[in-house]
Amino acid sequence: RIAGRTSGDSTVAYAFAFARAVEAALGIKPPPRAVWLRGVMAELERIANHLGDFGAICNDASFALIQAHCAVLREKVLRAAAAAFGHRLMRDRIVPGGVTADIGNDGIGAIHALLTEIKALFPALVELYDNTASLQDRTVTTGTVKAGLARQYAPGGFIGRASGRGFDVRKNLAYTPYDKLTLDMPVLEAGDVNARVWIRIREIEQSLSLIEQLLDDLPSGALRIDLP
């Protein structure tokens, strides 16, 4: 519960990391269904956070329209998460040994409807971003992290991948369920705000694909095992 409250909108990521650490220390493996559900939660959270950041960056550049649309989409992600797992942020759903909430047909339907809606609406926002000169003036060549610095200090996540560091723990040190999924890792070299925006955009697209793969192959069975 403490780990899952390190960051409110990243509660899944922190709980997931803590649970995996406990399971590794105890030498146990959670049930396959729990592992797949963890992946669904993690990618829903990733989409919500990238949408929030994409919109916030555009708002910082005085283009509130994209932020408004991203906020609507992010809200739809949170509502789908609530329908699927009983909590908008999916807090306390991942625990050592598995998960505390299953997903039913209604939840799967809510997530599929969400994916369809994002696929329909998100490309127009990306096009608007890419074709708005005032946005490009504020993001291109701004806040650059050069590739050499990325190699030297090894920043993680989209920051590193926007500066030429082709590393994603889901791919380079793949753990379940990601070792069973197809994941393309977007990498750019420019290292500026614009590059980081584009990494977020591409990762949203990858997360949509990952969730589809996870739901298509969702195993049956137990949700949790008792810890020794």
Protein backbone atom coordinates (compact mmCIF):
# COMPACT_ATOMS: atom_id res chain seq x y z
CA ARG A 1 0.00 0.00 0.00
CA ILE A 2 2.88 2.39 0.70
CA ALA A 3 4.66 1.55 -2.57
CA GLY A 4 1.44 2.08 -4.50
CA ARG A 5 1.12 5.58 -3.08
CA THR A 6 4.56 6.83 -4.09
CA SER A 7 2.95 8.51 -7.08
CA GLY A 8 -0.81 8.75 -7.34
CA ASP A 9 -1.11 8.51 -11.11
CA SER A 10 1.62 5.84 -11.33
CA THR A 11 0.29 3.60 -8.59
CA VAL A 12 0.21 0.58 -10.91
CA ALA A 13 3.85 0.99 -11.90
CA TYR A 14 5.08 1.28 -8.31
CA ALA A 15 2.91 -1.56 -7.03
CA PHE A 16 3.96 -3.72 -9.98
CA ALA A 17 7.66 -3.12 -9.28
CA PHE A 18 7.28 -3.77 -5.57
CA ALA A 19 5.28 -6.95 -6.12
CA ARG A 20 7.86 -8.29 -8.55
CA ALA A 21 10.65 -7.54 -6.07
CA VAL A 22 8.85 -9.40 -3.28
CA GLU A 23 8.10 -12.34 -5.57
CA ALA A 24 11.72 -12.53 -6.71
CA ALA A 25 12.94 -12.44 -3.10
CA LEU A 26 10.55 -15.24 -2.12
CA GLY A 27 11.10 -17.26 -5.29
CA ILE A 28 7.42 -17.39 -6.23
CA LYS A 29 5.49 -16.79 -9.43
CA PRO A 30 2.01 -15.26 -9.54
CA PRO A 31 -0.68 -17.02 -11.61
CA PRO A 32 -0.63 -16.35 -15.38
CA ARG A 33 -4.00 -14.58 -15.35
CA ALA A 34 -2.73 -12.19 -12.69
CA VAL A 35 0.36 -11.43 -14.74
CA TRP A 36 -1.70 -10.65 -17.85
CA LEU A 37 -4.06 -8.42 -15.87
CA ARG A 38 -1.07 -6.56 -14.45
CA GLY A 39 0.02 -5.84 -18.01
CA VAL A 40 -3.40 -4.50 -18.94
CA MET A 41 -3.38 -2.21 -15.91
CA ALA A 42 0.15 -0.99 -16.59
CA GLU A 43 -0.59 -0.10 -20.21
CA LEU A 44 -3.86 1.63 -19.33
CA GLU A 45 -1.93 3.72 -16.81
CA ARG A 46 0.77 4.47 -19.39
CA ILE A 47 -1.82 5.69 -21.91
CA ALA A 48 -3.48 7.91 -19.30
CA ASN A 49 -0.18 9.48 -18.27
CA HIS A 50 1.08 10.03 -21.80
CA LEU A 51 -2.23 11.64 -22.76
CA GLY A 52 -1.99 13.91 -19.74
CA ASP A 53 1.59 14.91 -20.54
CA PHE A 54 0.92 15.45 -24.24
CA GLY A 55 -1.95 17.76 -23.41
CA ALA A 56 -0.03 19.58 -20.67
CA ILE A 57 2.92 20.30 -22.97
CA CYS A 58 0.60 21.76 -25.58
CA ASN A 59 -1.10 23.86 -22.91
CA ASP A 60 2.30 25.13 -21.72
CA ALA A 61 2.85 26.29 -25.29
CA SER A 62 -0.48 28.20 -25.13
CA PHE A 63 -2.43 25.71 -27.22
CA ALA A 64 -5.19 24.63 -24.87
CA LEU A 65 -7.32 22.88 -27.48
CA ILE A 66 -5.20 19.74 -27.58
CA GLN A 67 -5.05 19.65 -23.79
CA ALA A 68 -8.85 19.76 -23.62
CA HIS A 69 -9.20 16.81 -25.99
CA CYS A 70 -6.42 14.86 -24.24
CA ALA A 71 -8.12 15.48 -20.90
CA VAL A 72 -11.35 14.02 -22.26
CA LEU A 73 -9.53 10.94 -23.57
CA ARG A 74 -7.65 10.53 -20.30
CA GLU A 75 -10.94 10.68 -18.41
CA LYS A 76 -12.29 7.93 -20.66
CA VAL A 77 -9.24 5.79 -19.82
CA LEU A 78 -9.86 6.26 -16.10
CA ARG A 79 -13.54 5.38 -16.48
CA ALA A 80 -12.68 2.24 -18.43
CA ALA A 81 -10.19 1.29 -15.70
CA ALA A 82 -12.90 1.76 -13.09
CA ALA A 83 -15.31 -0.40 -15.09
CA ALA A 84 -12.69 -3.11 -15.53
CA PHE A 85 -10.96 -3.11 -12.14
CA GLY A 86 -13.20 -1.18 -9.77
CA HIS A 87 -10.91 1.84 -9.29
CA ARG A 88 -10.09 4.73 -11.63
CA LEU A 89 -6.36 4.62 -10.86
CA MET A 90 -6.34 0.85 -10.20
CA ARG A 91 -4.86 1.46 -6.77
CA ASP A 92 -4.25 -1.59 -4.53
CA ARG A 93 -5.11 -3.94 -7.41
CA ILE A 94 -1.56 -5.31 -7.75
CA VAL A 95 -0.15 -7.06 -4.68
CA PRO A 96 2.68 -9.54 -4.08
CA GLY A 97 1.42 -12.90 -5.27
CA GLY A 98 -1.00 -11.60 -7.89
CA VAL A 99 -3.89 -9.16 -8.17
CA THR A 100 -6.94 -8.38 -6.04
CA ALA A 101 -9.44 -7.70 -8.83
CA ASP A 102 -10.52 -9.75 -11.82
CA ILE A 103 -11.94 -8.42 -15.07
CA GLY A 104 -15.31 -9.53 -16.39
CA ASN A 105 -16.91 -9.36 -19.81
CA ASP A 106 -18.25 -5.88 -19.10
CA GLY A 107 -14.78 -4.67 -18.21
CA ILE A 108 -13.25 -6.22 -21.32
CA GLY A 109 -15.98 -4.60 -23.40
CA ALA A 110 -15.30 -1.22 -21.79
CA ILE A 111 -11.61 -1.46 -22.60
CA HIS A 112 -12.23 -2.54 -26.18
CA ALA A 113 -14.63 0.39 -26.62
CA LEU A 114 -11.95 2.70 -25.20
CA LEU A 115 -9.30 1.41 -27.61
CA THR A 116 -11.63 1.93 -30.55
CA GLU A 117 -12.40 5.49 -29.48
CA ILE A 118 -8.76 6.44 -28.94
CA LYS A 119 -7.80 5.00 -32.32
CA ALA A 120 -10.55 7.07 -33.93
CA LEU A 121 -9.81 10.39 -32.20
CA PHE A 122 -6.12 10.45 -31.33
CA PRO A 123 -4.66 10.67 -34.89
CA ALA A 124 -6.44 13.98 -35.47
CA LEU A 125 -4.82 15.43 -32.34
CA VAL A 126 -1.41 14.23 -33.51
CA GLU A 127 -1.97 15.82 -36.91
CA LEU A 128 -3.06 19.06 -35.27
CA TYR A 129 0.07 19.09 -33.14
CA ASP A 130 2.33 18.37 -36.08
CA ASN A 131 0.77 21.05 -38.30
CA THR A 132 0.54 23.91 -35.79
CA ALA A 133 3.51 26.20 -36.35
CA SER A 134 3.17 27.97 -33.01
CA LEU A 135 3.53 24.62 -31.23
CA GLN A 136 6.52 23.58 -33.30
CA ASP A 137 8.21 26.91 -32.57
CA ARG A 138 8.03 26.11 -28.86
CA THR A 139 8.93 22.41 -28.85
CA VAL A 140 11.47 21.89 -31.65
CA THR A 141 15.07 22.46 -30.41
CA THR A 142 13.75 23.28 -26.91
CA GLY A 143 15.07 21.53 -23.81
CA THR A 144 17.48 19.30 -25.70
CA VAL A 145 19.17 16.36 -24.00
CA LYS A 146 22.00 15.46 -26.34
CA ALA A 147 22.66 11.84 -27.22
CA GLY A 148 26.05 11.94 -25.55
CA LEU A 149 24.51 12.97 -22.25
CA ALA A 150 21.92 10.23 -22.62
CA ARG A 151 24.69 7.66 -23.07
CA GLN A 152 26.63 9.09 -20.13
CA TYR A 153 23.81 9.37 -17.60
CA ALA A 154 21.42 6.70 -18.95
CA PRO A 155 18.07 8.43 -18.41
CA GLY A 156 15.22 5.98 -18.49
CA GLY A 157 11.87 5.96 -20.21
CA PHE A 158 10.81 8.29 -22.98
CA ILE A 159 13.53 10.83 -22.04
CA GLY A 160 16.29 8.41 -22.96
CA ARG A 161 14.48 7.05 -26.01
CA ALA A 162 13.97 10.58 -27.35
CA SER A 163 17.76 11.10 -27.13
CA GLY A 164 18.88 7.96 -28.94
CA ARG A 165 19.07 5.58 -25.96
CA GLY A 166 17.31 2.49 -27.25
CA PHE A 167 16.43 0.91 -23.92
CA ASP A 168 13.06 -0.19 -22.60
CA VAL A 169 13.02 -2.66 -19.73
CA ARG A 170 9.86 -4.22 -21.17
CA LYS A 171 11.92 -5.20 -24.23
CA ASN A 172 15.60 -5.27 -23.25
CA LEU A 173 15.04 -7.03 -19.92
CA ALA A 174 11.64 -8.44 -20.81
CA TYR A 175 9.61 -9.85 -17.95
CA THR A 176 6.18 -11.45 -18.05
CA PRO A 177 3.85 -10.67 -19.67
CA TYR A 178 6.04 -8.57 -22.00
CA ASP A 179 8.28 -11.48 -22.93
CA LYS A 180 5.22 -13.01 -24.63
CA LEU A 181 4.13 -9.87 -26.52
CA THR A 182 5.13 -7.98 -29.64
CA LEU A 183 6.50 -4.56 -28.69
CA ASP A 184 8.16 -2.06 -31.01
CA MET A 185 10.40 0.45 -29.24
CA PRO A 186 10.31 3.96 -30.74
CA VAL A 187 13.66 5.75 -30.56
CA LEU A 188 14.51 9.27 -31.80
CA GLU A 189 17.76 11.22 -31.82
CA ALA A 190 16.82 14.92 -31.55
CA GLY A 191 16.41 14.85 -27.77
CA ASP A 192 14.21 17.95 -27.63
CA VAL A 193 10.69 18.51 -26.31
CA ASN A 194 9.28 17.66 -29.73
CA ALA A 195 11.09 14.31 -29.76
CA ARG A 196 9.79 13.50 -26.30
CA VAL A 197 6.26 14.35 -27.44
CA TRP A 198 6.63 11.99 -30.39
CA ILE A 199 7.93 9.20 -28.17
CA ARG A 200 4.83 9.62 -26.02
CA ILE A 201 2.63 9.50 -29.12
CA ARG A 202 4.26 6.33 -30.42
CA GLU A 203 4.13 4.71 -26.99
CA ILE A 204 0.40 5.37 -26.77
CA GLU A 205 0.07 3.50 -30.06
CA GLN A 206 2.19 0.65 -28.72
CA SER A 207 0.17 0.47 -25.51
CA LEU A 208 -3.04 0.16 -27.51
CA SER A 209 -1.52 -2.80 -29.34
CA LEU A 210 -0.22 -4.39 -26.13
CA ILE A 211 -3.61 -4.21 -24.44
CA GLU A 212 -5.25 -5.85 -27.45
CA GLN A 213 -2.67 -8.66 -27.35
CA LEU A 214 -3.17 -9.14 -23.62
CA LEU A 215 -6.95 -9.29 -23.82
CA ASP A 216 -6.87 -11.62 -26.83
CA ASP A 217 -4.70 -14.13 -24.97
CA LEU A 218 -5.97 -13.59 -21.42
CA PRO A 219 -5.56 -16.93 -19.60
CA SER A 220 -8.07 -18.29 -17.13
CA GLY A 221 -7.28 -19.40 -13.61
CA ALA A 222 -6.44 -18.03 -10.20
CA LEU A 223 -5.74 -14.38 -9.44
CA ARG A 224 -3.40 -14.75 -6.48
CA ILE A 225 -1.28 -17.19 -4.53
CA ASP A 226 -0.58 -17.06 -0.83
CA LEU A 227 2.83 -15.84 0.22
CA PRO A 228 5.00 -18.21 2.29
